[in-house]
C-alpha atoms as a PDB file:
ATOM      1  CA  MET A   1     -13.937  14.999  14.784  1.00  0.00           C
ATOM      2  CA  THR A   2     -10.174  13.456  14.755  1.00  0.00           C
ATOM      3  CA  GLY A   3      -7.964  16.009  13.384  1.00  0.00           C
ATOM      4  CA  PHE A   4      -7.580  14.552  10.131  1.00  0.00           C
ATOM      5  CA  ASN A   5      -7.335  17.357   7.658  1.00  0.00           C
ATOM      6  CA  LEU A   6      -6.919  15.630   4.139  1.00  0.00           C
ATOM      7  CA  LYS A   7      -9.199  15.839   1.584  1.00  0.00           C
ATOM      8  CA  HIS A   8      -7.642  13.117  -1.063  1.00  0.00           C
ATOM      9  CA  VAL A   9      -4.967  10.734  -0.569  1.00  0.00           C
ATOM     10  CA  TYR A  10      -2.820  10.274  -3.540  1.00  0.00           C
ATOM     11  CA  GLU A  11       0.909  10.300  -2.397  1.00  0.00           C
ATOM     12  CA  SER A  12       2.711   8.931   0.670  1.00  0.00           C
ATOM     13  CA  GLN A  13       4.278  12.315   1.531  1.00  0.00           C
ATOM     14  CA  GLN A  14       0.775  13.923   2.599  1.00  0.00           C
ATOM     15  CA  PHE A  15       1.108  11.753   6.087  1.00  0.00           C
ATOM     16  CA  ASP A  16       3.020  13.452   8.802  1.00  0.00           C
ATOM     17  CA  LEU A  17       3.508  11.170  12.211  1.00  0.00           C
ATOM     18  CA  GLU A  18       0.197  12.712  13.670  1.00  0.00           C
ATOM     19  CA  LEU A  19      -1.712  11.689  10.807  1.00  0.00           C
ATOM     20  CA  LEU A  20      -0.445   8.374  10.613  1.00  0.00           C
ATOM     21  CA  ASN A  21      -1.169   8.142  14.514  1.00  0.00           C
ATOM     22  CA  ILE A  22      -4.951   9.304  13.611  1.00  0.00           C
ATOM     23  CA  VAL A  23      -5.197   6.443  11.137  1.00  0.00           C
ATOM     24  CA  PHE A  24      -3.656   3.687  12.787  1.00  0.00           C
ATOM     25  CA  ASN A  25      -5.619   4.500  15.910  1.00  0.00           C
ATOM     26  CA  MET A  26      -8.905   4.604  13.531  1.00  0.00           C
ATOM     27  CA  ALA A  27      -7.896   1.023  12.087  1.00  0.00           C
ATOM     28  CA  ASP A  28      -7.553  -0.245  15.874  1.00  0.00           C
ATOM     29  CA  LYS A  29     -10.992   0.740  16.420  1.00  0.00           C
ATOM     30  CA  MET A  30     -12.575  -0.845  13.115  1.00  0.00           C
ATOM     31  CA  LYS A  31     -10.481  -4.146  13.994  1.00  0.00           C
ATOM     32  CA  LYS A  32     -12.285  -4.382  17.146  1.00  0.00           C
ATOM     33  CA  ASP A  33     -15.596  -2.967  16.145  1.00  0.00           C
ATOM     34  CA  LEU A  34     -15.416  -5.842  13.255  1.00  0.00           C
ATOM     35  CA  PHE A  35     -15.422  -8.551  15.929  1.00  0.00           C
ATOM     36  CA  ALA A  36     -17.974  -7.029  18.618  1.00  0.00           C
ATOM     37  CA  LYS A  37     -21.522  -8.158  19.130  1.00  0.00           C
ATOM     38  CA  GLN A  38     -22.789  -4.415  18.934  1.00  0.00           C
ATOM     39  CA  ARG A  39     -20.866  -2.705  16.317  1.00  0.00           C
ATOM     40  CA  GLN A  40     -20.676   1.245  16.244  1.00  0.00           C
ATOM     41  CA  TYR A  41     -19.427   1.558  12.829  1.00  0.00           C
ATOM     42  CA  ALA A  42     -21.731  -1.297  10.785  1.00  0.00           C
ATOM     43  CA  ASP A  43     -23.998   1.659   9.138  1.00  0.00           C
ATOM     44  CA  VAL A  44     -21.766   4.943   9.734  1.00  0.00           C
ATOM     45  CA  LEU A  45     -21.512   5.158   5.643  1.00  0.00           C
ATOM     46  CA  LYS A  46     -24.757   3.785   4.704  1.00  0.00           C
ATOM     47  CA  ASN A  47     -25.883   6.999   2.984  1.00  0.00           C
ATOM     48  CA  LYS A  48     -22.502   7.024   1.133  1.00  0.00           C
ATOM     49  CA  ILE A  49     -21.265   5.871  -2.569  1.00  0.00           C
ATOM     50  CA  MET A  50     -17.918   4.918  -3.171  1.00  0.00           C
ATOM     51  CA  ALA A  51     -16.835   4.498  -6.981  1.00  0.00           C
ATOM     52  CA  SER A  52     -14.078   1.725  -7.447  1.00  0.00           C
ATOM     53  CA  LEU A  53     -12.464   2.802 -10.403  1.00  0.00           C
ATOM     54  CA  PHE A  54      -9.406   0.263 -11.346  1.00  0.00           C
ATOM     55  CA  TYR A  55      -8.013   0.563 -14.990  1.00  0.00           C
ATOM     56  CA  GLU A  56      -5.345  -2.030 -14.025  1.00  0.00           C
ATOM     57  CA  PRO A  57      -6.190  -5.589 -12.409  1.00  0.00           C
ATOM     58  CA  SER A  58      -6.260  -5.628  -8.892  1.00  0.00           C
ATOM     59  CA  THR A  59      -7.409  -8.464  -6.138  1.00  0.00           C
ATOM     60  CA  ARG A  60      -6.496  -7.537  -2.956  1.00  0.00           C
ATOM     61  CA  THR A  61      -6.701  -3.621  -3.060  1.00  0.00           C
ATOM     62  CA  ARG A  62     -10.270  -3.500  -4.865  1.00  0.00           C
ATOM     63  CA  PHE A  63     -11.830  -6.181  -3.038  1.00  0.00           C
ATOM     64  CA  SER A  64     -10.664  -5.261   0.441  1.00  0.00           C
ATOM     65  CA  PHE A  65     -11.797  -1.272  -0.072  1.00  0.00           C
ATOM     66  CA  GLU A  66     -15.364  -2.653  -1.441  1.00  0.00           C
ATOM     67  CA  SER A  67     -15.141  -4.847   1.562  1.00  0.00           C
ATOM     68  CA  ALA A  68     -14.626  -1.879   4.145  1.00  0.00           C
ATOM     69  CA  MET A  69     -16.864   0.230   2.228  1.00  0.00           C
ATOM     70  CA  ALA A  70     -19.861  -2.531   2.840  1.00  0.00           C
ATOM     71  CA  ARG A  71     -18.791  -3.286   6.282  1.00  0.00           C
ATOM     72  CA  LEU A  72     -19.249   0.054   7.047  1.00  0.00           C
ATOM     73  CA  GLY A  73     -22.771   0.368   5.670  1.00  0.00           C
ATOM     74  CA  GLY A  74     -21.938   2.131   2.469  1.00  0.00           C
ATOM     75  CA  SER A  75     -22.793   1.463  -1.411  1.00  0.00           C
ATOM     76  CA  ILE A  76     -20.533   0.517  -4.180  1.00  0.00           C
ATOM     77  CA  LEU A  77     -20.268   1.591  -7.944  1.00  0.00           C
ATOM     78  CA  THR A  78     -17.739  -0.562  -9.535  1.00  0.00           C
ATOM     79  CA  THR A  79     -15.854  -1.650 -12.775  1.00  0.00           C
ATOM     80  CA  GLU A  80     -13.115  -4.113 -12.850  1.00  0.00           C
ATOM     81  CA  ASN A  81     -11.254  -3.171 -15.973  1.00  0.00           C
ATOM     82  CA  ALA A  82     -11.791   0.357 -16.839  1.00  0.00           C
ATOM     83  CA  LYS A  83      -9.126   0.867 -19.324  1.00  0.00           C
ATOM     84  CA  GLU A  84     -11.402  -1.673 -21.561  1.00  0.00           C
ATOM     85  CA  PHE A  85     -14.963  -1.253 -20.169  1.00  0.00           C
ATOM     86  CA  SER A  86     -15.355   2.312 -19.634  1.00  0.00           C
ATOM     87  CA  SER A  87     -15.317   5.025 -21.708  1.00  0.00           C
ATOM     88  CA  ALA A  88     -11.680   5.130 -21.676  1.00  0.00           C
ATOM     89  CA  ALA A  89     -11.757   2.733 -24.198  1.00  0.00           C
ATOM     90  CA  LYS A  90     -13.199   5.222 -26.701  1.00  0.00           C
ATOM     91  CA  GLY A  91     -10.609   8.132 -25.768  1.00  0.00           C
ATOM     92  CA  GLU A  92     -12.091   9.578 -22.951  1.00  0.00           C
ATOM     93  CA  THR A  93      -9.820  11.635 -20.842  1.00  0.00           C
ATOM     94  CA  LEU A  94      -8.645  10.981 -16.938  1.00  0.00           C
ATOM     95  CA  TYR A  95      -9.808  14.774 -16.561  1.00  0.00           C
ATOM     96  CA  ASP A  96     -13.449  13.926 -18.178  1.00  0.00           C
ATOM     97  CA  SER A  97     -13.668  10.591 -16.428  1.00  0.00           C
ATOM     98  CA  THR A  98     -13.051  12.109 -12.993  1.00  0.00           C
ATOM     99  CA  SER A  99     -15.134  14.941 -13.409  1.00  0.00           C
ATOM    100  CA  VAL A 100     -18.293  12.558 -14.611  1.00  0.00           C
ATOM    101  CA  MET A 101     -17.786  10.467 -11.580  1.00  0.00           C
ATOM    102  CA  CYS A 102     -17.381  12.735  -8.967  1.00  0.00           C
ATOM    103  CA  GLY A 103     -21.279  13.648  -9.806  1.00  0.00           C
ATOM    104  CA  TYR A 104     -22.130  10.134  -8.849  1.00  0.00           C
ATOM    105  CA  ALA A 105     -20.224   8.949  -5.959  1.00  0.00           C
ATOM    106  CA  ASP A 106     -18.994  10.389  -2.701  1.00  0.00           C
ATOM    107  CA  LEU A 107     -15.400   9.302  -3.262  1.00  0.00           C
ATOM    108  CA  ILE A 108     -13.575   7.647  -5.796  1.00  0.00           C
ATOM    109  CA  VAL A 109     -10.788   4.950  -5.454  1.00  0.00           C
ATOM    110  CA  MET A 110      -8.883   5.003  -8.325  1.00  0.00           C
ATOM    111  CA  ARG A 111      -6.064   2.508  -9.695  1.00  0.00           C
ATOM    112  CA  HIS A 112      -4.598   3.668 -13.076  1.00  0.00           C
ATOM    113  CA  ASN A 113      -1.436   2.743 -15.100  1.00  0.00           C
ATOM    114  CA  GLU A 114       0.046   6.343 -15.515  1.00  0.00           C
ATOM    115  CA  PRO A 115       2.142   7.630 -12.446  1.00  0.00           C
ATOM    116  CA  GLY A 116       0.724  10.973 -11.142  1.00  0.00           C
ATOM    117  CA  SER A 117      -2.614   9.867 -12.521  1.00  0.00           C
ATOM    118  CA  ALA A 118      -4.070  10.146  -8.910  1.00  0.00           C
ATOM    119  CA  LYS A 119      -2.957  13.726  -8.430  1.00  0.00           C
ATOM    120  CA  ILE A 120      -4.531  14.510 -11.718  1.00  0.00           C
ATOM    121  CA  ALA A 121      -8.012  12.955 -10.609  1.00  0.00           C
ATOM    122  CA  ALA A 122      -7.634  14.662  -7.432  1.00  0.00           C
ATOM    123  CA  ASP A 123      -7.002  17.919  -8.898  1.00  0.00           C
ATOM    124  CA  VAL A 124     -10.344  17.854 -10.827  1.00  0.00           C
ATOM    125  CA  SER A 125     -12.646  15.888  -8.518  1.00  0.00           C
ATOM    126  CA  CYS A 126     -14.912  17.754  -6.006  1.00  0.00           C
ATOM    127  CA  VAL A 127     -15.031  14.459  -4.010  1.00  0.00           C
ATOM    128  CA  PRO A 128     -12.162  12.671  -2.198  1.00  0.00           C
ATOM    129  CA  VAL A 129     -10.064  10.357  -4.437  1.00  0.00           C
ATOM    130  CA  ILE A 130      -7.947   7.850  -2.982  1.00  0.00           C
ATOM    131  CA  ASN A 131      -4.921   6.420  -4.931  1.00  0.00           C
ATOM    132  CA  ALA A 132      -5.221   2.813  -5.277  1.00  0.00           C
ATOM    133  CA  GLY A 133      -1.732   2.412  -6.967  1.00  0.00           C
ATOM    134  CA  ASP A 134      -0.440   4.457 -10.163  1.00  0.00           C
ATOM    135  CA  GLY A 135       1.825   2.744 -12.409  1.00  0.00           C
ATOM    136  CA  SER A 136       5.237   2.282 -10.854  1.00  0.00           C
ATOM    137  CA  GLY A 137       4.346   5.802  -8.982  1.00  0.00           C
ATOM    138  CA  GLN A 138       2.661   5.446  -5.687  1.00  0.00           C
ATOM    139  CA  HIS A 139       0.300   2.964  -3.481  1.00  0.00           C
ATOM    140  CA  PRO A 140       0.018   4.754  -0.428  1.00  0.00           C
ATOM    141  CA  THR A 141      -2.655   2.761   1.096  1.00  0.00           C
ATOM    142  CA  GLN A 142      -0.866  -0.059   0.869  1.00  0.00           C
ATOM    143  CA  ALA A 143       2.247   1.884   2.392  1.00  0.00           C
ATOM    144  CA  LEU A 144      -0.123   2.459   5.367  1.00  0.00           C
ATOM    145  CA  LEU A 145      -1.389  -0.938   5.982  1.00  0.00           C
ATOM    146  CA  ASP A 146       2.333  -2.069   5.591  1.00  0.00           C
ATOM    147  CA  LEU A 147       3.496   0.387   8.255  1.00  0.00           C
ATOM    148  CA  TYR A 148       0.220  -0.624  10.308  1.00  0.00           C
ATOM    149  CA  THR A 149       1.491  -4.582  10.121  1.00  0.00           C
ATOM    150  CA  ILE A 150       5.300  -3.502  11.117  1.00  0.00           C
ATOM    151  CA  LYS A 151       3.584  -1.267  13.975  1.00  0.00           C
ATOM    152  CA  ASP A 152       1.359  -4.251  15.203  1.00  0.00           C
ATOM    153  CA  ASN A 153       4.753  -6.698  15.420  1.00  0.00           C
ATOM    154  CA  PHE A 154       7.008  -4.500  17.088  1.00  0.00           C
ATOM    155  CA  LEU A 155       4.842  -1.550  18.882  1.00  0.00           C
ATOM    156  CA  THR A 156       7.452   1.017  17.828  1.00  0.00           C
ATOM    157  CA  ILE A 157       8.772   1.386  14.491  1.00  0.00           C
ATOM    158  CA  ASP A 158      11.829   3.693  15.702  1.00  0.00           C
ATOM    159  CA  GLY A 159      15.236   1.966  15.553  1.00  0.00           C
ATOM    160  CA  LEU A 160      13.962  -0.923  13.139  1.00  0.00           C
ATOM    161  CA  VAL A 161      16.513  -2.263  10.299  1.00  0.00           C
ATOM    162  CA  ILE A 162      14.320  -3.201   7.165  1.00  0.00           C
ATOM    163  CA  ALA A 163      15.222  -4.957   3.801  1.00  0.00           C
ATOM    164  CA  MET A 164      13.408  -4.397   0.651  1.00  0.00           C
ATOM    165  CA  VAL A 165      13.966  -6.906  -1.749  1.00  0.00           C
ATOM    166  CA  GLY A 166      13.213  -7.557  -5.622  1.00  0.00           C
ATOM    167  CA  ASP A 167      11.836  -4.901  -7.759  1.00  0.00           C
ATOM    168  CA  LEU A 168      12.258  -1.565  -6.471  1.00  0.00           C
ATOM    169  CA  LYS A 169      12.741   0.307  -9.769  1.00  0.00           C
ATOM    170  CA  TYR A 170       8.863  -0.354 -10.584  1.00  0.00           C
ATOM    171  CA  GLY A 171       7.542  -1.212  -7.138  1.00  0.00           C
ATOM    172  CA  ARG A 172       5.100   1.397  -6.077  1.00  0.00           C
ATOM    173  CA  THR A 173       4.635  -0.273  -2.898  1.00  0.00           C
ATOM    174  CA  VAL A 174       8.291   0.232  -1.792  1.00  0.00           C
ATOM    175  CA  ARG A 175       8.612   3.850  -2.787  1.00  0.00           C
ATOM    176  CA  SER A 176       5.385   4.700  -0.675  1.00  0.00           C
ATOM    177  CA  LEU A 177       6.561   2.585   2.115  1.00  0.00           C
ATOM    178  CA  SER A 178      10.282   4.304   1.677  1.00  0.00           C
ATOM    179  CA  TYR A 179       8.300   7.667   1.997  1.00  0.00           C
ATOM    180  CA  LEU A 180       6.530   6.788   5.465  1.00  0.00           C
ATOM    181  CA  LEU A 181       9.718   5.375   7.165  1.00  0.00           C
ATOM    182  CA  THR A 182      11.214   8.868   7.151  1.00  0.00           C
ATOM    183  CA  LYS A 183       8.977   9.849   9.695  1.00  0.00           C
ATOM    184  CA  TYR A 184      10.539   7.636  12.206  1.00  0.00           C
ATOM    185  CA  ASN A 185      13.800   7.981  14.227  1.00  0.00           C
ATOM    186  CA  ASN A 186      16.949   5.620  13.582  1.00  0.00           C
ATOM    187  CA  ILE A 187      15.630   3.828  10.562  1.00  0.00           C
ATOM    188  CA  LYS A 188      18.183   1.873   8.364  1.00  0.00           C
ATOM    189  CA  ILE A 189      16.739   0.260   4.859  1.00  0.00           C
ATOM    190  CA  TYR A 190      18.457  -2.059   2.897  1.00  0.00           C
ATOM    191  CA  TYR A 191      17.800  -2.108  -0.795  1.00  0.00           C
ATOM    192  CA  VAL A 192      18.280  -5.651  -2.064  1.00  0.00           C
ATOM    193  CA  SER A 193      17.831  -5.941  -6.188  1.00  0.00           C
ATOM    194  CA  PRO A 194      19.246  -6.938  -9.315  1.00  0.00           C
ATOM    195  CA  LEU A 195      20.933  -4.138 -11.543  1.00  0.00           C
ATOM    196  CA  VAL A 196      18.086  -3.276 -13.708  1.00  0.00           C
ATOM    197  CA  CYS A 197      15.628  -3.201 -10.782  1.00  0.00           C
ATOM    198  CA  LYS A 198      17.405  -0.657  -8.496  1.00  0.00           C
ATOM    199  CA  MET A 199      16.014   1.898  -6.462  1.00  0.00           C
ATOM    200  CA  ASP A 200      15.510   5.495  -8.241  1.00  0.00           C
ATOM    201  CA  ASP A 201      17.640   8.092  -7.020  1.00  0.00           C
ATOM    202  CA  ASP A 202      14.761  10.195  -6.153  1.00  0.00           C
ATOM    203  CA  ILE A 203      14.016   7.998  -3.185  1.00  0.00           C
ATOM    204  CA  LYS A 204      17.383   7.694  -2.065  1.00  0.00           C
ATOM    205  CA  ASP A 205      17.845  11.226  -2.324  1.00  0.00           C
ATOM    206  CA  TYR A 206      14.877  11.579  -0.120  1.00  0.00           C
ATOM    207  CA  LEU A 207      15.928   9.450   2.518  1.00  0.00           C
ATOM    208  CA  THR A 208      19.203  11.085   2.556  1.00  0.00           C
ATOM    209  CA  THR A 209      17.585  14.737   3.140  1.00  0.00           C
ATOM    210  CA  ASN A 210      15.703  13.100   5.899  1.00  0.00           C
ATOM    211  CA  ASN A 211      18.534  11.888   7.661  1.00  0.00           C
ATOM    212  CA  VAL A 212      17.306   8.032   6.810  1.00  0.00           C
ATOM    213  CA  GLU A 213      20.392   5.543   6.454  1.00  0.00           C
ATOM    214  CA  TRP A 214      19.869   3.424   3.441  1.00  0.00           C
ATOM    215  CA  GLU A 215      22.360   0.926   1.657  1.00  0.00           C
ATOM    216  CA  GLU A 216      22.250  -1.124  -1.462  1.00  0.00           C
ATOM    217  CA  VAL A 217      23.304  -4.517  -1.430  1.00  0.00           C
ATOM    218  CA  SER A 218      23.273  -7.504  -4.171  1.00  0.00           C
ATOM    219  CA  SER A 219      23.274 -10.519  -1.568  1.00  0.00           C
ATOM    220  CA  LEU A 220      19.983 -11.185   0.240  1.00  0.00           C
ATOM    221  CA  GLU A 221      22.169 -13.383   2.453  1.00  0.00           C
ATOM    222  CA  LYS A 222      24.205 -10.678   3.780  1.00  0.00           C
ATOM    223  CA  VAL A 223      21.171  -8.719   5.327  1.00  0.00           C
ATOM    224  CA  LEU A 224      18.875 -11.787   6.648  1.00  0.00           C
ATOM    225  CA  PRO A 225      20.664 -12.092   9.812  1.00  0.00           C
ATOM    226  CA  LEU A 226      20.883  -7.790  10.181  1.00  0.00           C
ATOM    227  CA  VAL A 227      16.839  -6.954   9.703  1.00  0.00           C
ATOM    228  CA  ASP A 228      13.741  -7.038  11.745  1.00  0.00           C
ATOM    229  CA  CYS A 229      11.860  -6.822   8.404  1.00  0.00           C
ATOM    230  CA  VAL A 230      12.222  -8.513   5.003  1.00  0.00           C
ATOM    231  CA  TYR A 231       9.987  -6.916   2.618  1.00  0.00           C
ATOM    232  CA  MET A 232       9.467  -9.200  -0.388  1.00  0.00           C
ATOM    233  CA  THR A 233       8.630  -8.150  -4.032  1.00  0.00           C
ATOM    234  CA  ARG A 234       7.752  -9.818  -7.109  1.00  0.00           C
ATOM    235  CA  ILE A 235       9.669  -8.623 -10.257  1.00  0.00           C
ATOM    236  CA  GLN A 236       6.993  -7.219 -12.254  1.00  0.00           C
ATOM    237  CA  LYS A 237       7.012  -8.523 -16.047  1.00  0.00           C
ATOM    238  CA  GLU A 238       4.418  -6.042 -17.095  1.00  0.00           C
ATOM    239  CA  ARG A 239       6.244  -2.985 -16.458  1.00  0.00           C
ATOM    240  CA  PHE A 240       9.545  -3.778 -18.096  1.00  0.00           C
ATOM    241  CA  HIS A 241      10.447  -2.291 -21.170  1.00  0.00           C
ATOM    242  CA  ASN A 242      12.475  -5.550 -22.919  1.00  0.00           C
ATOM    243  CA  LEU A 243      12.203  -9.387 -21.878  1.00  0.00           C
ATOM    244  CA  GLU A 244      16.026  -9.416 -21.544  1.00  0.00           C
ATOM    245  CA  ASP A 245      15.880  -7.186 -18.440  1.00  0.00           C
ATOM    246  CA  TYR A 246      12.992  -9.179 -16.840  1.00  0.00           C
ATOM    247  CA  GLU A 247      14.633 -12.673 -17.460  1.00  0.00           C
ATOM    248  CA  SER A 248      17.981 -11.188 -16.070  1.00  0.00           C
ATOM    249  CA  ALA A 249      16.165 -10.160 -12.769  1.00  0.00           C
ATOM    250  CA  SER A 250      13.397 -13.188 -12.496  1.00  0.00           C
ATOM    251  CA  GLY A 251      14.112 -15.419 -10.003  1.00  0.00           C
ATOM    252  CA  LYS A 252      17.323 -13.865  -8.589  1.00  0.00           C
ATOM    253  CA  TYR A 253      15.739 -13.464  -5.015  1.00  0.00           C
ATOM    254  CA  ILE A 254      13.863 -16.568  -3.677  1.00  0.00           C
ATOM    255  CA  LEU A 255      12.957 -16.659   0.027  1.00  0.00           C
ATOM    256  CA  ASP A 256      12.703 -20.559   0.696  1.00  0.00           C
ATOM    257  CA  MET A 257      13.217 -22.705   4.405  1.00  0.00           C
ATOM    258  CA  GLU A 258      17.113 -22.555   4.228  1.00  0.00           C
ATOM    259  CA  LYS A 259      17.245 -18.535   4.009  1.00  0.00           C
ATOM    260  CA  ILE A 260      14.970 -18.155   6.748  1.00  0.00           C
ATOM    261  CA  LYS A 261      17.048 -19.753   8.934  1.00  0.00           C
ATOM    262  CA  LEU A 262      19.560 -16.859   8.852  1.00  0.00           C
ATOM    263  CA  MET A 263      16.773 -14.568   9.993  1.00  0.00           C
ATOM    264  CA  LYS A 264      16.383 -13.475  13.601  1.00  0.00           C
ATOM    265  CA  GLN A 265      13.901 -15.061  15.258  1.00  0.00           C
ATOM    266  CA  LYS A 266      11.720 -12.104  16.110  1.00  0.00           C
ATOM    267  CA  SER A 267      11.725 -10.676  12.720  1.00  0.00           C
ATOM    268  CA  ILE A 268       9.008 -10.880   9.895  1.00  0.00           C
ATOM    269  CA  ILE A 269       8.423 -11.263   6.174  1.00  0.00           C
ATOM    270  CA  MET A 270       6.291  -9.231   4.208  1.00  0.00           C
ATOM    271  CA  HIS A 271       5.081  -9.142   1.111  1.00  0.00           C
ATOM    272  CA  PRO A 272       2.393  -7.176  -0.812  1.00  0.00           C
ATOM    273  CA  LEU A 273       1.089  -9.788  -3.082  1.00  0.00           C
ATOM    274  CA  PRO A 274       0.446 -11.086  -5.294  1.00  0.00           C
ATOM    275  CA  ARG A 275       3.716 -13.583  -5.304  1.00  0.00           C
ATOM    276  CA  VAL A 276       5.053 -15.543  -7.927  1.00  0.00           C
ATOM    277  CA  ASP A 277       8.014 -17.538  -6.811  1.00  0.00           C
ATOM    278  CA  GLU A 278       9.948 -15.080  -4.381  1.00  0.00           C
ATOM    279  CA  ILE A 279       8.601 -16.803  -1.282  1.00  0.00           C
ATOM    280  CA  SER A 280       8.522 -20.529  -1.178  1.00  0.00           C
ATOM    281  CA  GLN A 281       5.024 -21.669   0.053  1.00  0.00           C
ATOM    282  CA  GLU A 282       6.551 -23.931   2.281  1.00  0.00           C
ATOM    283  CA  VAL A 283       7.696 -20.423   4.340  1.00  0.00           C
ATOM    284  CA  ASP A 284       3.777 -19.483   5.127  1.00  0.00           C
ATOM    285  CA  ASN A 285       3.842 -21.776   8.105  1.00  0.00           C
ATOM    286  CA  ASP A 286       6.643 -19.980   9.691  1.00  0.00           C
ATOM    287  CA  PRO A 287       4.905 -17.466  12.197  1.00  0.00           C
ATOM    288  CA  ARG A 288       7.643 -14.798  10.908  1.00  0.00           C
ATOM    289  CA  ALA A 289       5.278 -15.053   7.786  1.00  0.00           C
ATOM    290  CA  GLN A 290       3.228 -12.191   7.957  1.00  0.00           C
ATOM    291  CA  TYR A 291       1.822 -11.329   4.398  1.00  0.00           C
ATOM    292  CA  PHE A 292      -1.194 -12.815   4.969  1.00  0.00           C
ATOM    293  CA  ASN A 293      -1.997 -10.906   8.105  1.00  0.00           C
ATOM    294  CA  GLN A 294      -0.620  -7.809   6.242  1.00  0.00           C
ATOM    295  CA  ALA A 295      -3.716  -8.297   3.437  1.00  0.00           C
ATOM    296  CA  LYS A 296      -5.842  -8.629   6.283  1.00  0.00           C
ATOM    297  CA  ASN A 297      -4.941  -5.375   8.072  1.00  0.00           C
ATOM    298  CA  GLY A 298      -5.662  -3.740   4.264  1.00  0.00           C
ATOM    299  CA  LEU A 299      -9.456  -3.999   5.270  1.00  0.00           C
ATOM    300  CA  TYR A 300      -8.892  -2.157   8.732  1.00  0.00           C
ATOM    301  CA  VAL A 301      -6.783   0.631   7.309  1.00  0.00           C
ATOM    302  CA  ARG A 302      -9.171   1.260   4.500  1.00  0.00           C
ATOM    303  CA  MET A 303     -12.173   1.117   6.391  1.00  0.00           C
ATOM    304  CA  ALA A 304     -10.501   3.819   8.777  1.00  0.00           C
ATOM    305  CA  LEU A 305      -9.464   5.807   6.022  1.00  0.00           C
ATOM    306  CA  LEU A 306     -13.101   5.782   4.328  1.00  0.00           C
ATOM    307  CA  TYR A 307     -14.551   6.972   7.778  1.00  0.00           C
ATOM    308  CA  LEU A 308     -11.788   9.514   8.275  1.00  0.00           C
ATOM    309  CA  LEU A 309     -12.539  10.858   4.945  1.00  0.00           C
ATOM    310  CA  LEU A 310     -16.588  10.659   4.598  1.00  0.00           C
ATOM    311  CA  GLY A 311     -17.514  10.539   8.434  1.00  0.00           C
ATOM    312  CA  ASN A 312     -16.780  13.984   9.394  1.00  0.00           C
ATOM    313  CA  ASP A 313     -20.062  14.854   9.973  1.00  0.00           C
ATOM    314  CA  ILE A 314     -20.394  11.620  12.117  1.00  0.00           C
ATOM    315  CA  ASN A 315     -20.349  11.763  16.208  1.00  0.00           C
ATOM    316  CA  ILE A 316     -18.862   8.473  17.393  1.00  0.00           C
ATOM    317  CA  LYS A 317     -16.763   8.590  20.278  1.00  0.00           C
END
């Protein structure tokens, strides 16, 4: 149908430039189709079932996947807190849970607290598995919608300068986005974080190996005039092993009206959400603030992925 040859989506490294373009082109079609009077894709997955298996809390990811499946005509099996309200509470392993669920559904969307869990599930499952976040590991569909948002604003991604700010150690979104940015030319990334939240060496080594320039800085004000995109993240209290480290990092970087005066007029502000205090609410009305559009783009990208993974037997031009 399209050249999309993945069975599962569990990490960003699975995507090359060709696959990224396939996803983004399909997302464009989904976005256009949603506003059309006669929708081509409204019922393309009407005989398919998606299992939404979330072991950790989620708002945007879970609801956007479920909305995406519903808008394509599919059905949904869902649990909001599988860690407490599934057989995992009785000690059932992820291996067994996945083996059972793939007998009930045509696709599994999974969020889990353990890094690497999505790959474990994919290795077991007889149906496609999509990683909706695996602890502090990866969140590939978030990275796809982030990249789609950047492309939507700048048309091209080559040559952009991007600052990733906040919790880079435990932030699966910035890890996944860093991987995808290596597919483009002349990218520079500034990593702006407290000492206890620095980006891990595995990502920095991967960027270096793939000829992507990166720099670690402590001053947000220093990089704001230099970048095309500021990607803010919250300090994730739930990931820290001790309260002192969290308190030393919390509130260190806050983007407010004074700080955004330092930014380029054509730059954008992104955030995977939820936010705590790292972006002042007054910034929301600035046209550079793209985080709510970013969340909307999650619907189109996830519709595209569901169709690409499940609609291989459907012929739509």
